[in-house]
N, C-alpha and C. Protein backbone atom coordinates (compact mmCIF):
# COMPACT_ATOMS: atom_id res chain seq x y z
N MET A 1 -108.57 41.36 -173.43
CA MET A 1 -108.08 40.69 -171.68
C MET A 1 -106.90 40.80 -171.50
N SER A 2 -106.17 41.59 -170.38
CA SER A 2 -104.74 42.10 -170.40
C SER A 2 -103.88 40.40 -169.41
N GLY A 3 -102.73 40.67 -169.44
CA GLY A 3 -102.65 39.73 -168.87
C GLY A 3 -102.74 39.24 -167.15
N SER A 4 -102.87 40.58 -166.53
CA SER A 4 -103.11 40.44 -165.41
C SER A 4 -104.67 39.91 -165.50
N GLU A 5 -105.32 40.40 -166.47
CA GLU A 5 -107.15 39.60 -166.23
C GLU A 5 -107.00 38.24 -166.33
N ILE A 6 -106.03 38.07 -167.02
CA ILE A 6 -106.40 36.67 -167.38
C ILE A 6 -105.64 35.48 -166.52
N LEU A 7 -105.11 36.02 -165.95
CA LEU A 7 -103.81 35.22 -164.25
C LEU A 7 -105.22 35.35 -163.52
N SER A 8 -105.79 36.58 -163.31
CA SER A 8 -106.29 36.47 -162.16
C SER A 8 -107.58 35.05 -162.48
N THR A 9 -108.45 35.38 -163.67
CA THR A 9 -109.87 34.44 -163.69
C THR A 9 -108.84 32.85 -163.84
N LEU A 10 -107.46 33.02 -164.21
CA LEU A 10 -107.09 31.18 -164.62
C LEU A 10 -106.74 30.61 -163.01
N LEU A 11 -106.33 31.98 -162.52
CA LEU A 11 -106.32 31.27 -161.15
C LEU A 11 -107.31 32.00 -159.81
N GLY A 12 -108.39 31.77 -160.03
CA GLY A 12 -109.20 32.80 -159.49
C GLY A 12 -109.77 31.89 -158.26
N SER A 13 -109.83 30.78 -158.09
CA SER A 13 -110.31 29.94 -157.18
C SER A 13 -109.96 28.62 -157.17
N GLU A 14 -109.76 27.77 -155.97
CA GLU A 14 -108.74 26.49 -155.86
C GLU A 14 -109.59 25.48 -157.18
N VAL A 15 -110.72 25.28 -157.66
CA VAL A 15 -111.40 24.72 -158.32
C VAL A 15 -110.94 24.61 -159.97
N ARG A 16 -110.82 26.55 -159.66
CA ARG A 16 -110.16 26.27 -161.16
C ARG A 16 -108.52 26.08 -161.25
N GLY A 17 -108.03 25.71 -160.36
CA GLY A 17 -106.42 25.82 -160.64
C GLY A 17 -106.50 24.30 -160.68
N ASP A 18 -107.70 23.24 -159.61
CA ASP A 18 -107.65 22.09 -159.95
C ASP A 18 -107.99 21.56 -161.70
N LEU A 19 -108.99 22.64 -162.11
CA LEU A 19 -109.04 22.17 -163.45
C LEU A 19 -108.15 22.14 -164.35
N LEU A 20 -107.57 23.17 -164.24
CA LEU A 20 -106.25 23.46 -165.16
C LEU A 20 -105.16 22.50 -164.90
N VAL A 21 -104.68 21.75 -163.41
CA VAL A 21 -103.72 20.67 -163.51
C VAL A 21 -104.25 20.03 -164.12
N LEU A 22 -105.74 19.28 -164.14
CA LEU A 22 -106.38 18.23 -164.68
C LEU A 22 -106.05 17.71 -165.99
N PHE A 23 -106.38 18.87 -166.80
CA PHE A 23 -106.21 19.61 -167.67
C PHE A 23 -104.95 19.30 -168.89
N HIS A 24 -104.21 20.02 -168.06
CA HIS A 24 -102.38 20.26 -168.16
C HIS A 24 -101.80 18.72 -168.19
N ARG A 25 -101.66 18.16 -167.13
CA ARG A 25 -101.66 17.14 -166.95
C ARG A 25 -102.39 15.72 -168.12
N ASN A 26 -103.50 15.96 -168.36
CA ASN A 26 -104.21 14.94 -169.12
C ASN A 26 -104.44 15.81 -170.81
N PRO A 27 -103.75 16.53 -171.51
CA PRO A 27 -104.17 17.27 -172.30
C PRO A 27 -105.07 16.69 -173.33
N GLY A 28 -105.08 15.35 -173.78
CA GLY A 28 -106.31 14.82 -174.48
C GLY A 28 -107.59 14.55 -174.17
N LEU A 29 -107.55 14.67 -172.64
CA LEU A 29 -108.89 14.60 -172.07
C LEU A 29 -110.12 14.87 -172.70
N ILE A 30 -111.03 14.41 -172.56
CA ILE A 30 -112.52 14.64 -173.19
C ILE A 30 -113.46 14.03 -172.46
N ASP A 31 -113.82 14.47 -171.47
CA ASP A 31 -114.91 14.01 -170.49
C ASP A 31 -116.76 15.14 -170.56
N THR A 32 -117.41 14.31 -169.43
CA THR A 32 -119.13 15.07 -169.46
C THR A 32 -117.74 16.08 -168.10
N VAL A 33 -119.09 17.02 -167.63
CA VAL A 33 -118.46 17.48 -166.41
C VAL A 33 -118.69 16.97 -165.18
N ASP A 34 -119.78 15.88 -165.54
CA ASP A 34 -119.57 14.81 -164.02
C ASP A 34 -118.43 14.23 -164.14
N GLY A 35 -118.22 13.90 -164.90
CA GLY A 35 -116.80 13.20 -165.31
C GLY A 35 -115.79 13.88 -164.26
N VAL A 36 -115.73 14.83 -165.17
CA VAL A 36 -113.79 16.37 -164.78
C VAL A 36 -114.76 16.18 -163.49
N ALA A 37 -115.66 16.32 -162.59
CA ALA A 37 -115.96 16.88 -160.96
C ALA A 37 -115.05 15.59 -160.71
N ARG A 38 -115.45 13.93 -160.76
CA ARG A 38 -115.48 13.41 -160.21
C ARG A 38 -113.46 12.89 -159.91
N ARG A 39 -113.02 13.29 -161.47
CA ARG A 39 -111.94 12.70 -161.19
C ARG A 39 -110.84 13.69 -160.78
N ILE A 40 -111.87 15.32 -160.19
CA ILE A 40 -111.19 16.09 -158.92
C ILE A 40 -111.25 15.87 -157.64
N GLY A 41 -112.28 14.86 -157.24
CA GLY A 41 -113.20 14.64 -156.25
C GLY A 41 -113.65 16.00 -155.73
N ARG A 42 -114.80 16.52 -156.77
CA ARG A 42 -116.01 17.18 -156.27
C ARG A 42 -116.99 16.97 -157.01
N THR A 43 -118.25 17.92 -156.93
CA THR A 43 -119.01 17.43 -157.04
C THR A 43 -119.16 18.04 -158.24
N THR A 44 -120.47 17.99 -158.92
CA THR A 44 -120.87 18.74 -160.45
C THR A 44 -121.26 20.08 -160.22
N VAL A 45 -121.78 20.28 -158.86
CA VAL A 45 -122.79 21.20 -158.84
C VAL A 45 -121.41 22.30 -158.44
N ALA A 46 -120.42 22.26 -157.28
CA ALA A 46 -119.22 22.52 -157.23
C ALA A 46 -118.58 23.41 -158.19
N ILE A 47 -117.99 22.43 -159.34
CA ILE A 47 -117.30 22.80 -160.40
C ILE A 47 -118.28 23.75 -161.94
N ILE A 48 -119.56 23.43 -161.57
CA ILE A 48 -119.92 24.23 -162.99
C ILE A 48 -119.82 25.37 -163.12
N SER A 49 -119.98 26.60 -162.21
CA SER A 49 -119.77 27.99 -162.52
C SER A 49 -118.23 27.95 -163.00
N GLU A 50 -116.87 27.36 -162.00
CA GLU A 50 -115.85 27.58 -163.04
C GLU A 50 -115.48 26.93 -164.10
N VAL A 51 -115.96 25.69 -164.30
CA VAL A 51 -115.70 25.35 -165.88
C VAL A 51 -116.28 26.30 -166.84
N ARG A 52 -117.26 27.26 -166.07
CA ARG A 52 -118.56 28.15 -167.55
C ARG A 52 -117.26 29.36 -167.58
N GLU A 53 -116.44 29.50 -165.99
CA GLU A 53 -115.32 30.39 -166.62
C GLU A 53 -114.51 30.14 -167.64
N LEU A 54 -113.72 28.96 -167.02
CA LEU A 54 -112.88 28.48 -168.54
C LEU A 54 -113.17 28.35 -169.65
N LEU A 55 -114.42 28.35 -169.80
CA LEU A 55 -115.07 28.27 -171.43
C LEU A 55 -115.39 29.61 -171.66
N VAL A 56 -115.50 30.58 -170.61
CA VAL A 56 -115.68 31.77 -171.55
C VAL A 56 -114.53 32.19 -171.99
N LEU A 57 -113.56 32.07 -171.24
CA LEU A 57 -111.96 32.23 -171.34
C LEU A 57 -111.37 31.84 -172.51
N GLY A 58 -112.19 30.70 -172.45
CA GLY A 58 -111.74 29.62 -174.31
C GLY A 58 -110.48 28.80 -173.85
N VAL A 59 -109.96 28.71 -172.60
CA VAL A 59 -109.03 27.71 -172.10
C VAL A 59 -109.93 26.04 -172.53
N LEU A 60 -110.99 26.07 -171.98
CA LEU A 60 -111.71 25.10 -172.05
C LEU A 60 -112.84 25.20 -173.88
N ARG A 61 -113.19 23.97 -174.07
CA ARG A 61 -114.05 24.02 -174.91
C ARG A 61 -114.95 23.28 -174.64
N GLN A 62 -116.57 23.24 -175.47
CA GLN A 62 -117.44 21.98 -175.37
C GLN A 62 -117.85 21.62 -176.81
N LYS A 63 -118.14 20.16 -176.59
CA LYS A 63 -119.18 20.00 -178.00
C LYS A 63 -119.74 18.80 -177.43
N ARG A 64 -120.70 18.49 -178.19
CA ARG A 64 -122.14 17.83 -177.64
C ARG A 64 -120.90 16.00 -178.85
N ILE A 65 -121.10 14.75 -178.28
CA ILE A 65 -120.77 13.69 -178.61
C ILE A 65 -122.06 12.72 -178.42
N GLY A 66 -122.46 12.54 -179.21
CA GLY A 66 -123.64 11.97 -178.82
C GLY A 66 -124.75 12.12 -178.32
N ALA A 67 -125.13 11.80 -177.07
CA ALA A 67 -125.91 12.79 -176.34
C ALA A 67 -125.65 13.08 -175.50
N SER A 68 -124.39 13.23 -175.06
CA SER A 68 -123.47 14.25 -174.08
C SER A 68 -122.42 15.27 -174.21
N GLU A 69 -122.72 16.43 -173.65
CA GLU A 69 -122.09 17.46 -173.92
C GLU A 69 -120.58 17.10 -172.89
N VAL A 70 -119.46 17.57 -173.60
CA VAL A 70 -117.89 16.82 -172.83
C VAL A 70 -117.22 18.30 -172.91
N VAL A 71 -116.15 18.08 -172.24
CA VAL A 71 -115.12 19.68 -172.04
C VAL A 71 -114.18 18.78 -172.79
N PHE A 72 -113.25 19.51 -173.05
CA PHE A 72 -111.76 19.27 -173.23
C PHE A 72 -110.87 20.79 -173.75
N LEU A 73 -109.46 20.07 -173.29
CA LEU A 73 -108.39 21.92 -173.13
C LEU A 73 -108.30 21.88 -174.47
N ASP A 74 -108.54 23.89 -175.05
CA ASP A 74 -108.34 23.91 -176.33
C ASP A 74 -107.27 24.82 -176.09
N ARG A 75 -106.17 23.78 -176.71
CA ARG A 75 -104.10 23.53 -176.62
C ARG A 75 -103.74 24.96 -177.17
N ALA A 76 -104.27 25.38 -178.27
CA ALA A 76 -103.97 26.56 -178.83
C ALA A 76 -104.27 27.85 -178.62
N LYS A 77 -105.58 27.62 -177.69
CA LYS A 77 -106.16 29.00 -176.75
C LYS A 77 -105.32 29.03 -175.59
N ASP A 78 -104.86 28.13 -174.87
CA ASP A 78 -104.29 27.32 -173.79
C ASP A 78 -102.87 28.36 -173.71
N ARG A 79 -102.29 27.80 -174.79
CA ARG A 79 -100.77 28.12 -175.30
C ARG A 79 -100.57 29.67 -175.47
N GLU A 80 -101.71 30.49 -175.87
CA GLU A 80 -101.91 31.49 -176.35
C GLU A 80 -102.03 32.61 -174.92
N LEU A 81 -102.75 31.90 -174.15
CA LEU A 81 -103.28 32.32 -172.60
C LEU A 81 -102.03 32.22 -172.08
N LEU A 82 -101.72 31.45 -172.28
CA LEU A 82 -100.19 31.20 -170.96
C LEU A 82 -99.04 32.23 -171.92
N GLU A 83 -98.70 32.43 -172.84
CA GLU A 83 -97.45 33.37 -173.36
C GLU A 83 -98.24 34.88 -172.89
N SER A 84 -99.32 35.36 -172.79
CA SER A 84 -99.88 36.47 -172.44
C SER A 84 -99.28 37.11 -171.21
N VAL A 85 -99.79 35.64 -170.30
CA VAL A 85 -99.41 35.62 -168.46
C VAL A 85 -97.63 36.02 -168.77
N ALA A 86 -97.24 35.41 -169.13
CA ALA A 86 -95.97 34.95 -168.93
C ALA A 86 -95.17 36.62 -169.41
N ASN A 87 -95.63 36.84 -170.62
CA ASN A 87 -95.54 38.38 -171.27
C ASN A 87 -95.73 39.46 -169.96
N HIS A 88 -96.74 39.41 -169.38
CA HIS A 88 -97.24 40.50 -168.45
C HIS A 88 -96.75 39.94 -167.08
N LEU A 89 -95.79 38.50 -166.82
CA LEU A 89 -95.03 38.59 -165.40
C LEU A 89 -93.64 39.10 -166.13
N LYS A 90 -92.83 39.27 -167.27
CA LYS A 90 -91.87 39.57 -167.28
C LYS A 90 -91.93 41.26 -167.49
N THR A 91 -93.15 41.77 -167.76
CA THR A 91 -93.34 43.38 -167.69
C THR A 91 -92.93 43.97 -166.72
N ILE A 92 -93.71 43.20 -165.76
CA ILE A 92 -93.77 43.14 -164.27
C ILE A 92 -92.70 43.06 -163.42
N ARG A 93 -91.15 42.04 -164.00
CA ARG A 93 -90.37 42.05 -163.34
C ARG A 93 -89.17 43.11 -164.29
N ILE A 94 -89.38 43.41 -165.45
CA ILE A 94 -88.66 44.06 -166.02
C ILE A 94 -88.99 45.80 -164.76
N GLY A 95 -90.40 46.05 -164.60
CA GLY A 95 -90.54 47.68 -164.44
C GLY A 95 -89.97 47.48 -162.55
N GLU A 96 -90.16 46.18 -162.28
CA GLU A 96 -89.42 46.19 -161.06
C GLU A 96 -87.73 46.35 -160.80
N GLU A 97 -87.27 45.90 -161.64
CA GLU A 97 -85.86 45.86 -161.88
C GLU A 97 -85.10 47.59 -162.29
N ARG A 98 -85.95 48.31 -163.04
CA ARG A 98 -85.78 49.70 -162.86
C ARG A 98 -86.13 50.61 -161.60
């Protein structure tokens, strides 16, 4: 996936932006989708497809703890994706300077 596709996926909606801000401000957060929705002032229905997009991208991961499915930030994948986006933005800037 290219840097531009990653950037587009990460910032494709306001909800995804809210999710990323929540997990970046609380990188150790492990919570259910219901709990995450409450934390950002949304309903579970409103965020479920956005959480799925971030799971597919790999920035969020999901696992079962007891009877609950929880989501959490994959710090390594997040770092990798942010580096890819940064490199993409540098390439754009270098291209504009020429």
